[in-house]
Protein backbone atom coordinates (compact mmCIF):
# COMPACT_ATOMS: atom_id res chain seq x y z
CA UNK A 1 43.68 -63.25 28.32
CA UNK A 2 42.39 -61.97 31.67
CA UNK A 3 38.57 -61.82 31.73
CA UNK A 4 38.24 -60.61 35.33
CA UNK A 5 35.34 -58.19 35.95
CA UNK A 6 34.90 -55.88 39.00
CA UNK A 7 31.48 -57.39 39.74
CA UNK A 8 33.13 -60.71 40.48
CA UNK A 9 34.74 -59.29 43.59
CA UNK A 10 31.42 -59.31 45.41
CA UNK A 11 31.45 -63.12 45.69
CA UNK A 12 35.13 -63.59 46.51
CA UNK A 13 37.03 -63.63 49.79
CA UNK A 14 39.70 -61.01 50.33
CA UNK A 15 42.45 -63.55 49.60
CA UNK A 16 40.65 -64.77 46.49
CA UNK A 17 40.14 -61.17 45.36
CA UNK A 18 43.84 -60.42 45.58
CA UNK A 19 44.63 -63.62 43.71
CA UNK A 20 42.55 -62.70 40.71
CA UNK A 21 43.65 -59.05 40.48
CA UNK A 22 45.77 -58.12 37.47
CA UNK A 23 49.49 -57.78 38.16
CA UNK A 24 49.50 -53.97 37.48
CA UNK A 25 46.77 -53.47 40.06
CA UNK A 26 48.78 -55.47 42.59
CA UNK A 27 51.82 -53.28 42.00
CA UNK A 28 49.79 -50.12 42.56
CA UNK A 29 48.25 -51.51 45.74
CA UNK A 30 51.69 -52.44 47.00
CA UNK A 31 52.97 -48.88 46.47
CA UNK A 32 49.91 -47.40 48.14
CA UNK A 33 50.47 -49.73 51.10
CA UNK A 34 54.08 -48.59 51.42
CA UNK A 35 53.19 -44.90 51.13
CA UNK A 36 50.28 -45.24 53.50
CA UNK A 37 52.40 -47.02 56.06
CA UNK A 38 55.07 -44.34 55.76
CA UNK A 39 52.59 -41.55 56.16
CA UNK A 40 50.98 -43.31 59.04
CA UNK A 41 54.32 -43.70 60.77
CA UNK A 42 54.97 -40.01 60.32
CA UNK A 43 51.61 -38.82 61.57
CA UNK A 44 51.37 -41.13 64.55
CA UNK A 45 54.12 -39.12 66.27
CA UNK A 46 52.29 -35.77 65.81
CA UNK A 47 49.80 -35.25 68.59
CA UNK A 48 46.62 -33.48 67.59
CA UNK A 49 46.51 -29.98 69.12
CA UNK A 50 42.79 -30.33 69.74
CA UNK A 51 41.91 -31.25 73.27
CA UNK A 52 45.42 -30.76 74.54
CA UNK A 53 46.94 -28.02 76.66
CA UNK A 54 49.48 -27.30 73.94
CA UNK A 55 46.72 -26.05 71.61
CA UNK A 56 45.65 -23.29 74.02
CA UNK A 57 49.25 -22.50 74.84
CA UNK A 58 50.21 -22.15 71.18
CA UNK A 59 47.22 -19.93 70.51
CA UNK A 60 48.08 -17.75 73.49
CA UNK A 61 51.70 -17.53 72.36
CA UNK A 62 50.71 -16.36 68.88
CA UNK A 63 48.16 -13.86 70.15
CA UNK A 64 50.63 -12.47 72.67
CA UNK A 65 53.35 -12.18 70.02
CA UNK A 66 51.02 -10.19 67.77
CA UNK A 67 49.90 -8.03 70.68
CA UNK A 68 53.50 -7.12 71.46
CA UNK A 69 54.07 -6.03 67.85
CA UNK A 70 51.08 -3.67 67.87
CA UNK A 71 51.97 0.01 67.42
CA UNK A 72 50.45 0.89 70.82
CA UNK A 73 51.96 -2.01 72.78
CA UNK A 74 54.30 0.33 74.66
CA UNK A 75 51.44 2.20 76.35
CA UNK A 76 50.12 1.21 79.74
CA UNK A 77 46.67 2.42 80.72
CA UNK A 78 45.82 3.70 84.18
CA UNK A 79 42.95 2.18 86.16
CA UNK A 80 40.70 5.06 85.06
CA UNK A 81 41.72 4.54 81.45
CA UNK A 82 41.07 0.78 81.70
CA UNK A 83 37.57 1.52 82.96
CA UNK A 84 37.00 4.04 80.18
CA UNK A 85 38.33 1.54 77.66
CA UNK A 86 35.76 -1.04 78.72
CA UNK A 87 32.99 1.50 78.17
CA UNK A 88 34.40 2.57 74.82
CA UNK A 89 34.86 -0.98 73.54
CA UNK A 90 31.30 -1.79 74.65
CA UNK A 91 30.05 1.16 72.59
CA UNK A 92 32.08 -0.07 69.63
CA UNK A 93 30.64 -3.57 69.95
CA UNK A 94 27.11 -2.20 70.18
CA UNK A 95 27.67 -0.19 67.02
CA UNK A 96 29.12 -3.19 65.16
CA UNK A 97 26.21 -5.35 66.25
CA UNK A 98 23.74 -2.72 65.05
CA UNK A 99 25.39 -2.37 61.64
CA UNK A 100 25.53 -6.14 61.33
CA UNK A 101 21.81 -6.35 62.07
CA UNK A 102 20.95 -3.89 59.29
CA UNK A 103 23.54 -5.39 56.91
CA UNK A 104 25.20 -2.03 56.40
CA UNK A 105 28.66 -1.23 57.72
CA UNK A 106 29.39 2.45 56.93
CA UNK A 107 33.23 2.30 56.84
CA UNK A 108 32.93 -0.44 54.20
CA UNK A 109 30.83 1.80 51.95
CA UNK A 110 31.39 5.08 50.20
CA UNK A 111 31.53 7.85 52.80
CA UNK A 112 28.53 9.68 51.32
CA UNK A 113 26.34 6.58 51.61
CA UNK A 114 27.08 6.14 55.28
CA UNK A 115 27.73 9.57 56.72
CA UNK A 116 24.18 9.97 58.02
CA UNK A 117 24.94 6.95 60.22
CA UNK A 118 28.18 8.60 61.32
CA UNK A 119 26.70 11.95 62.33
CA UNK A 120 23.75 10.31 64.11
CA UNK A 121 25.88 8.01 66.25
CA UNK A 122 26.65 8.55 69.91
CA UNK A 123 30.16 7.28 69.25
CA UNK A 124 30.85 10.09 66.76
CA UNK A 125 29.89 12.80 69.24
CA UNK A 126 32.00 11.15 71.92
CA UNK A 127 35.05 10.94 69.65
CA UNK A 128 34.55 14.55 68.63
CA UNK A 129 35.39 15.54 72.21
CA UNK A 130 38.55 13.43 72.26
CA UNK A 131 41.81 15.46 72.35
CA UNK A 132 43.50 14.32 69.15
CA UNK A 133 46.96 15.79 69.55
CA UNK A 134 48.03 16.86 66.10
CA UNK A 135 47.07 16.65 62.44
CA UNK A 136 50.07 16.16 60.16
CA UNK A 137 48.58 16.28 56.69
CA UNK A 138 46.29 19.13 55.68
CA UNK A 139 46.18 21.31 52.58
CA UNK A 140 44.99 24.77 53.69
CA UNK A 141 43.10 25.56 50.48
CA UNK A 142 40.76 22.69 51.35
CA UNK A 143 41.29 22.40 55.09
CA UNK A 144 38.26 24.15 56.54
CA UNK A 145 34.53 24.19 55.93
CA UNK A 146 33.23 24.44 52.35
CA UNK A 147 30.19 26.28 53.68
CA UNK A 148 32.45 28.95 55.16
CA UNK A 149 33.75 29.67 51.66
CA UNK A 150 30.25 29.80 50.18
CA UNK A 151 28.94 32.12 52.90
CA UNK A 152 31.96 34.40 52.70
CA UNK A 153 31.79 34.52 48.89
CA UNK A 154 28.23 35.87 48.87
CA UNK A 155 29.21 38.60 51.33
CA UNK A 156 32.18 39.88 49.32
CA UNK A 157 31.21 42.69 46.89
CA UNK A 158 33.99 41.90 44.41
CA UNK A 159 33.60 38.14 44.39
CA UNK A 160 32.43 36.67 41.09
CA UNK A 161 31.43 33.18 40.02
CA UNK A 162 31.68 31.71 36.54
CA UNK A 163 28.03 30.71 36.06
CA UNK A 164 27.97 29.11 32.63
CA UNK A 165 28.81 25.60 31.50
CA UNK A 166 32.54 24.87 31.51
CA UNK A 167 34.11 26.88 28.71
CA UNK A 168 37.69 27.53 27.72
CA UNK A 169 39.88 27.96 30.79
CA UNK A 170 36.93 28.41 33.19
CA UNK A 171 34.75 25.93 35.07
CA UNK A 172 31.22 26.52 36.25
CA UNK A 173 31.41 27.55 39.90
CA UNK A 174 34.93 28.96 39.62
CA UNK A 175 35.46 31.82 42.10
CA UNK A 176 37.54 34.94 41.54
CA UNK A 177 37.73 38.56 42.61
CA UNK A 178 37.69 41.38 40.03
CA UNK A 179 37.46 45.14 39.92
CA UNK A 180 34.38 46.63 38.25
CA UNK A 181 34.85 46.85 34.50
CA UNK A 182 37.45 44.04 34.44
CA UNK A 183 35.10 41.08 34.84
CA UNK A 184 35.55 38.40 32.13
CA UNK A 185 32.43 37.21 30.24
CA UNK A 186 30.54 34.48 32.07
CA UNK A 187 31.42 35.68 35.57
CA UNK A 188 28.53 37.00 37.68
CA UNK A 189 28.71 38.70 41.07
CA UNK A 190 28.14 36.17 43.86
CA UNK A 191 25.78 38.59 45.58
CA UNK A 192 23.65 38.88 42.46
CA UNK A 193 23.50 35.11 42.04
CA UNK A 194 22.49 34.79 45.68
CA UNK A 195 19.57 37.17 45.02
CA UNK A 196 18.42 35.77 41.68
CA UNK A 197 19.21 32.03 41.60
CA UNK A 198 17.05 29.84 43.87
CA UNK A 199 19.25 27.63 46.01
CA UNK A 200 22.44 29.25 44.70
CA UNK A 201 24.42 28.55 47.87
CA UNK A 202 23.65 24.84 47.73
CA UNK A 203 24.43 24.70 44.01
CA UNK A 204 27.78 26.40 44.51
CA UNK A 205 28.57 24.13 47.45
CA UNK A 206 27.87 21.09 45.24
CA UNK A 207 30.32 22.36 42.61
CA UNK A 208 33.06 22.88 45.20
CA UNK A 209 32.75 19.46 46.88
CA UNK A 210 32.57 15.74 46.19
CA UNK A 211 29.46 13.61 46.55
CA UNK A 212 28.51 9.99 45.91
CA UNK A 213 28.62 10.48 42.12
CA UNK A 214 32.42 10.60 42.34
CA UNK A 215 32.42 6.86 43.07
CA UNK A 216 30.94 5.92 39.68
CA UNK A 217 33.21 3.90 37.40
CA UNK A 218 33.05 6.43 34.58
CA UNK A 219 34.41 9.28 36.74
CA UNK A 220 38.04 10.38 36.49
CA UNK A 221 38.24 11.07 40.21
CA UNK A 222 41.61 12.86 40.13
CA UNK A 223 40.46 15.13 37.32
CA UNK A 224 37.36 16.00 39.36
CA UNK A 225 39.57 16.55 42.42
CA UNK A 226 41.76 19.00 40.50
CA UNK A 227 38.66 20.79 39.21
CA UNK A 228 37.61 21.50 42.80
CA UNK A 229 40.96 23.10 43.50
CA UNK A 230 40.65 25.18 40.35
CA UNK A 231 37.21 26.39 41.40
CA UNK A 232 38.33 27.53 44.84
CA UNK A 233 41.81 28.76 43.88
CA UNK A 234 40.70 32.30 43.02
CA UNK A 235 39.02 32.52 46.43
CA UNK A 236 41.67 30.94 48.64
CA UNK A 237 44.39 33.03 46.98
CA UNK A 238 42.66 36.39 47.58
CA UNK A 239 44.75 38.29 50.11
CA UNK A 240 41.89 40.16 51.89
CA UNK A 241 40.23 36.85 52.91
CA UNK A 242 43.36 34.75 53.34
CA UNK A 243 44.00 35.39 57.02
CA UNK A 244 40.34 35.03 57.98
CA UNK A 245 40.19 31.74 56.10
CA UNK A 246 43.23 30.47 58.01
CA UNK A 247 41.56 31.45 61.30
CA UNK A 248 38.36 29.66 60.27
CA UNK A 249 40.34 26.53 59.38
CA UNK A 250 42.24 26.60 62.69
CA UNK A 251 39.01 27.20 64.63
CA UNK A 252 37.31 24.24 62.95
CA UNK A 253 40.18 21.98 63.97
CA UNK A 254 40.26 23.26 67.55
CA UNK A 255 36.51 22.64 67.83
CA UNK A 256 37.19 19.08 66.68
CA UNK A 257 39.75 18.39 69.41
CA UNK A 258 42.91 19.14 67.40
CA UNK A 259 45.65 20.97 69.27
CA UNK A 260 48.41 21.15 66.64
CA UNK A 261 48.30 21.23 62.82
CA UNK A 262 50.92 21.11 60.09
CA UNK A 263 49.91 22.57 56.75
CA UNK A 264 51.26 21.64 53.32
CA UNK A 265 51.43 24.97 51.55
CA UNK A 266 53.17 26.57 48.61
CA UNK A 267 54.81 29.71 49.95
CA UNK A 268 55.55 30.88 46.42
CA UNK A 269 53.79 34.24 46.57
CA UNK A 270 50.56 33.26 44.79
CA UNK A 271 48.31 35.72 46.64
CA UNK A 272 46.63 38.63 44.82
CA UNK A 273 44.19 41.44 45.48
CA UNK A 274 42.24 43.88 43.32
CA UNK A 275 45.29 46.04 42.73
CA UNK A 276 48.12 43.50 42.73
CA UNK A 277 48.41 40.40 40.52
CA UNK A 278 49.39 36.99 41.81
CA UNK A 279 53.00 37.00 42.95
CA UNK A 280 52.90 40.50 44.44
CA UNK A 281 52.82 39.16 48.02
CA UNK A 282 56.08 37.43 48.93
CA UNK A 283 56.43 34.32 51.04
CA UNK A 284 57.37 36.45 54.05
CA UNK A 285 53.97 38.14 53.89
CA UNK A 286 52.15 34.81 53.66
CA UNK A 287 54.02 33.53 56.71
CA UNK A 288 53.07 36.67 58.65
CA UNK A 289 49.40 36.16 57.76
CA UNK A 290 49.59 32.62 59.13
CA UNK A 291 51.34 33.89 62.26
CA UNK A 292 48.62 36.47 62.84
CA UNK A 293 45.94 33.84 62.27
CA UNK A 294 47.63 31.57 64.80
CA UNK A 295 47.81 34.37 67.34
CA UNK A 296 44.11 35.10 66.94
CA UNK A 297 43.28 31.47 67.67
CA UNK A 298 45.76 31.27 70.55
CA UNK A 299 44.03 34.24 72.20
CA UNK A 300 41.10 31.84 72.72
CA UNK A 301 43.00 28.51 72.83
CA UNK A 302 46.50 29.15 74.23
CA UNK A 303 47.70 25.58 73.61
CA UNK A 304 47.07 25.74 69.85
CA UNK A 305 50.16 25.55 67.60
CA UNK A 306 50.89 25.15 63.89
CA UNK A 307 53.76 24.58 61.48
CA UNK A 308 54.13 25.01 57.72
CA UNK A 309 55.60 22.42 55.36
CA UNK A 310 56.84 24.05 52.17
CA UNK A 311 55.25 22.08 49.32
CA UNK A 312 55.71 22.24 45.58
CA UNK A 313 54.35 20.13 42.70
CA UNK A 314 56.06 17.00 41.44
CA UNK A 315 54.99 17.91 37.89
CA UNK A 316 57.60 20.65 37.74
CA UNK A 317 61.13 20.49 36.35
CA UNK A 318 64.24 19.78 38.37
CA UNK A 319 65.34 23.39 37.97
CA UNK A 320 62.03 24.70 39.32
CA UNK A 321 62.11 22.38 42.32
CA UNK A 322 65.71 23.36 43.03
CA UNK A 323 64.63 26.99 43.23
CA UNK A 324 61.80 26.04 45.57
CA UNK A 325 64.17 24.07 47.77
CA UNK A 326 66.53 27.04 48.04
CA UNK A 327 63.59 29.26 48.95
CA UNK A 328 62.46 26.76 51.55
CA UNK A 329 65.97 26.71 53.06
CA UNK A 330 66.01 30.49 53.24
CA UNK A 331 62.58 30.61 54.89
CA UNK A 332 63.46 27.80 57.29
CA UNK A 333 66.52 29.74 58.44
CA UNK A 334 64.51 32.97 58.78
CA UNK A 335 61.43 31.40 60.41
CA UNK A 336 62.71 28.19 62.09
CA UNK A 337 59.69 28.00 64.38
CA UNK A 338 57.24 28.18 61.46
CA UNK A 339 58.66 26.66 58.25
CA UNK A 340 59.49 23.12 59.28
CA UNK A 341 60.09 20.85 56.27
CA UNK A 342 59.94 20.36 52.49
CA UNK A 343 57.62 18.23 50.37
CA UNK A 344 56.46 17.47 46.83
CA UNK A 345 52.74 16.93 46.24
CA UNK A 346 50.22 16.12 43.45
CA UNK A 347 49.03 12.96 41.70
CA UNK A 348 51.85 10.44 42.00
CA UNK A 349 50.65 8.12 39.23
CA UNK A 350 50.91 11.00 36.76
CA UNK A 351 53.76 13.11 38.16
CA UNK A 352 57.51 12.64 38.23
CA UNK A 353 58.80 9.91 40.56
CA UNK A 354 60.70 11.12 43.60
CA UNK A 355 64.00 9.80 42.24
CA UNK A 356 63.57 12.02 39.18
CA UNK A 357 64.67 14.83 41.51
CA UNK A 358 67.96 13.20 42.60
CA UNK A 359 69.85 16.37 41.72
CA UNK A 360 67.52 18.33 44.03
CA UNK A 361 68.33 16.01 46.93
CA UNK A 362 72.06 16.46 46.23
CA UNK A 363 71.57 20.22 46.33
CA UNK A 364 69.83 19.77 49.69
CA UNK A 365 72.88 17.96 51.03
CA UNK A 366 75.12 20.76 49.73
CA UNK A 367 72.97 23.45 51.33
CA UNK A 368 73.03 21.58 54.63
CA UNK A 369 76.81 21.29 54.50
CA UNK A 370 77.23 24.98 53.56
CA UNK A 371 74.78 26.46 56.09
CA UNK A 372 74.80 23.95 58.92
CA UNK A 373 71.00 24.01 58.75
CA UNK A 374 69.05 20.79 58.26
CA UNK A 375 65.76 21.16 56.37
CA UNK A 376 63.81 17.94 57.01
CA UNK A 377 61.99 16.12 54.24
CA UNK A 378 58.36 15.16 54.79
CA UNK A 379 57.63 13.45 51.49
CA UNK A 380 54.19 12.87 50.07
CA UNK A 381 54.93 9.36 48.70
CA UNK A 382 53.11 6.10 48.14
CA UNK A 383 49.68 7.56 47.33
CA UNK A 384 49.10 4.90 44.69
CA UNK A 385 47.77 1.39 44.21
CA UNK A 386 50.45 0.55 41.63
CA UNK A 387 53.58 -1.43 42.39
CA UNK A 388 55.55 0.39 39.69
CA UNK A 389 55.06 3.63 41.66
CA UNK A 390 57.86 2.98 44.15
CA UNK A 391 58.39 6.41 45.70
CA UNK A 392 58.25 4.95 49.22
CA UNK A 393 61.71 3.49 48.59
CA UNK A 394 63.01 7.01 48.03
CA UNK A 395 61.23 8.39 51.09
CA UNK A 396 62.80 5.73 53.32
CA UNK A 397 66.30 6.06 51.83
CA UNK A 398 66.21 9.87 51.90
CA UNK A 399 65.28 9.78 55.58
CA UNK A 400 61.92 11.47 55.31
CA UNK A 401 60.77 12.06 58.91
CA UNK A 402 57.24 11.18 57.95
CA UNK A 403 55.63 9.83 54.79
CA UNK A 404 52.43 11.34 53.45
CA UNK A 405 49.91 8.58 52.67
CA UNK A 406 52.42 5.76 51.96
CA UNK A 407 49.42 3.77 50.76
CA UNK A 408 51.29 1.21 48.63
CA UNK A 409 54.04 0.58 51.19
CA UNK A 410 52.76 -2.97 51.62
CA UNK A 411 54.09 -3.80 48.13
CA UNK A 412 57.64 -3.16 49.36
CA UNK A 413 58.41 -5.24 52.47
CA UNK A 414 62.06 -4.14 52.65
CA UNK A 415 60.95 -0.49 52.59
CA UNK A 416 58.36 -1.23 55.27
CA UNK A 417 61.07 -2.82 57.43
CA UNK A 418 63.21 0.30 56.98
CA UNK A 419 60.27 2.56 57.85
CA UNK A 420 59.76 0.60 61.05
CA UNK A 421 63.49 0.51 61.88
CA UNK A 422 63.92 4.26 61.28
CA UNK A 423 60.75 5.03 63.25
CA UNK A 424 59.17 6.90 60.34
CA UNK A 425 55.55 7.87 60.93
CA UNK A 426 53.03 7.38 58.11
CA UNK A 427 50.46 10.17 57.74
CA UNK A 428 47.27 8.23 57.05
CA UNK A 429 44.20 9.93 55.56
CA UNK A 430 41.60 7.14 55.51
CA UNK A 431 38.62 8.96 54.00
CA UNK A 432 40.77 10.74 51.43
CA UNK A 433 42.15 7.35 50.36
CA UNK A 434 38.63 6.00 50.04
CA UNK A 435 37.16 9.00 48.22
CA UNK A 436 40.07 9.19 45.78
CA UNK A 437 39.41 5.55 44.97
CA UNK A 438 42.45 3.86 46.51
CA UNK A 439 40.37 1.64 48.80
CA UNK A 440 36.66 0.91 49.22
CA UNK A 441 36.23 -1.03 52.45
CA UNK A 442 38.30 0.70 55.14
CA UNK A 443 38.75 -2.62 56.94
CA UNK A 444 41.12 -3.42 54.07
CA UNK A 445 43.12 -0.19 54.32
CA UNK A 446 46.83 -1.10 54.54
CA UNK A 447 47.26 0.97 57.70
CA UNK A 448 45.08 -1.61 59.44
CA UNK A 449 47.94 -4.08 59.03
CA UNK A 450 50.75 -1.53 59.58
CA UNK A 451 49.63 -0.77 63.12
CA UNK A 452 49.49 -4.51 63.91
CA UNK A 453 53.10 -4.81 62.73
CA UNK A 454 54.41 -1.88 64.74
CA UNK A 455 54.48 0.85 62.08
CA UNK A 456 53.65 4.20 63.66
CA UNK A 457 50.93 6.27 62.00
CA UNK A 458 48.94 9.45 62.53
CA UNK A 459 45.45 10.31 61.28
CA UNK A 460 44.74 13.37 59.11
CA UNK A 461 41.84 14.54 56.89
CA UNK A 462 43.94 15.77 53.90
CA UNK A 463 41.33 17.90 52.05
CA UNK A 464 38.10 17.83 54.10
CA UNK A 465 36.55 20.91 52.47
CA UNK A 466 36.52 19.16 49.09
CA UNK A 467 35.31 15.93 50.69
CA UNK A 468 32.50 17.91 52.37
CA UNK A 469 33.24 17.39 56.02
CA UNK A 470 34.97 19.36 58.76
CA UNK A 471 37.78 18.33 61.10
CA UNK A 472 39.22 14.84 61.48
CA UNK A 473 36.64 13.06 63.67
CA UNK A 474 34.97 11.39 60.65
CA UNK A 475 38.32 9.72 59.92
CA UNK A 476 38.75 8.66 63.55
CA UNK A 477 35.20 7.30 63.75
CA UNK A 478 35.66 5.30 60.56
CA UNK A 479 38.92 3.62 61.55
CA UNK A 480 37.87 3.10 65.17
CA UNK A 481 35.11 0.85 63.88
CA UNK A 482 36.83 -0.59 60.80
CA UNK A 483 40.09 -1.45 62.58
CA UNK A 484 38.42 -2.41 65.89
CA UNK A 485 40.58 0.00 67.86
CA UNK A 486 40.47 0.59 71.59
CA UNK A 487 41.34 3.47 73.91
CA UNK A 488 45.03 2.54 73.97
CA UNK A 489 45.16 2.75 70.16
CA UNK A 490 43.36 6.09 70.16
CA UNK A 491 45.75 7.42 72.78
CA UNK A 492 48.73 6.31 70.69
CA UNK A 493 47.32 8.06 67.61
CA UNK A 494 46.80 11.28 69.56
CA UNK A 495 50.28 11.14 71.07
CA UNK A 496 51.80 10.45 67.67
CA UNK A 497 50.23 13.68 66.46
CA UNK A 498 52.48 15.53 68.89
CA UNK A 499 55.52 13.27 69.19
CA UNK A 500 56.02 12.97 65.41
CA UNK A 501 55.30 16.64 64.76
CA UNK A 502 57.90 19.28 63.89
CA UNK A 503 57.49 20.97 67.26
CA UNK A 504 60.87 21.36 68.94
CA UNK A 505 61.61 19.65 72.26
CA UNK A 506 60.39 22.53 74.44
CA UNK A 507 57.25 22.99 72.32
CA UNK A 508 56.49 19.27 72.53
CA UNK A 509 56.85 19.33 76.29
CA UNK A 510 54.33 22.17 76.58
CA UNK A 511 52.01 20.54 74.04
CA UNK A 512 52.05 17.19 75.85
CA UNK A 513 51.36 18.85 79.20
CA UNK A 514 48.31 20.65 77.77
CA UNK A 515 47.14 17.52 75.96
CA UNK A 516 47.45 15.37 79.09
CA UNK A 517 45.06 17.62 81.00
CA UNK A 518 42.52 17.44 78.17
CA UNK A 519 42.96 13.67 77.96
CA UNK A 520 42.30 13.20 81.67
CA UNK A 521 39.10 15.21 81.34
CA UNK A 522 38.08 13.10 78.34
CA UNK A 523 38.67 9.87 80.27
CA UNK A 524 36.65 11.22 83.20
CA UNK A 525 33.74 12.07 80.87
CA UNK A 526 33.87 8.57 79.43
CA UNK A 527 33.65 7.06 82.88
CA UNK A 528 30.73 9.30 83.81
CA UNK A 529 28.77 8.49 80.67
CA UNK A 530 25.90 6.03 80.84
């Protein structure tokens, strides 16, 4: 029997210690010696990168490789632009240092918690003057200022507001126009409410827009989003204000540095007035109203342009979408310089997947073959955080020129490769994605990685009136800080707004010429700033 105890090893020599060890222990030590020797032999041939030139060289190689993959790597800045870039990056670094010192980084927080920081910053006002090229993703019913709607509502004699708690089909704050004697119970004239209800304008504004309460866990954010559209629908669909509202939306974008805009809109004849129910104004009339609105803006800003993307709802049946597609084809042939593409919109997690409409896409191919006219697809796909919502596959395979949102594209690396290979531009709406609860910290937005891997994107505000801001500068400000962009990146985003638009070749040439002049002035202002 072996009575050896570990304490005995203290008084033994190394040879004596080995002699008294149990045989099993000796076997284990032998194996460890063999393994250790083998490992040592392997490692002794690998030079440590620390302290050697190869370490710096390898780091430089990796950094350079990533830099060449960046979405803006093809741009070369002029000497003036390089100087302006140094000033801009210095401003960015000052802002980041300030937010770090107060332990509050606005793009990482809900927009409503940090927007006072945004509007107070020098950087915001500077970016507001930046010529932004084009906006690709905007829904006209929520594309302008919410305050414009409130102020116009209280001036309209036939505008009524449902001013009771939500009941039946109506929501408190829902706007509609009625003739005298035909007003449903619960609706009160907006002018009367303005006279009799203290703070009515602010109360109505609050019902038409989001605020920080939408970020609470108990809130069904998409249901609240749809409620806002229901509240404004009776206003935005009223024919006598429709053209003026389009002008106001265009003006707000021009004031924010936007030169070109593409609107997702249902040209299904949903307008009404006091004597004609919804559906009485055909799509041709709606297009003419947009054309007149554009002409009014162009009288002041000659370089301004717009296009319409015919959009319908993915909740509808295949037969309904087929009819919409045929209508879109007809309008595209009649107004080729206005109606540019076709799309399906609405909540993707709840609506039909894009492949549900395979028969629609076959009809599109047939119409193209029969007419010789190509109606591009500009699909609103990937606005989801779920992997089982795989509409981005369809968008890539169907050859969508751009993809609206594409938020969950990162789940599908083969689709992302195809997007990059086919040079498909992703329409990114950062604040919309945050406020509809797809991402919290904008540093973690997937587009932050797309641009580093060479995927082309553009920046759009989606539905700013509902999100209670105007223009697209709040989106630019947020991603400029969150993604640590520079002037080259901003220039690429602005150029993408034109180059990936549905402007034809001649229109793009004119748009780029006008934009270049504005850009040079912007760079000069940057270099003159102190």
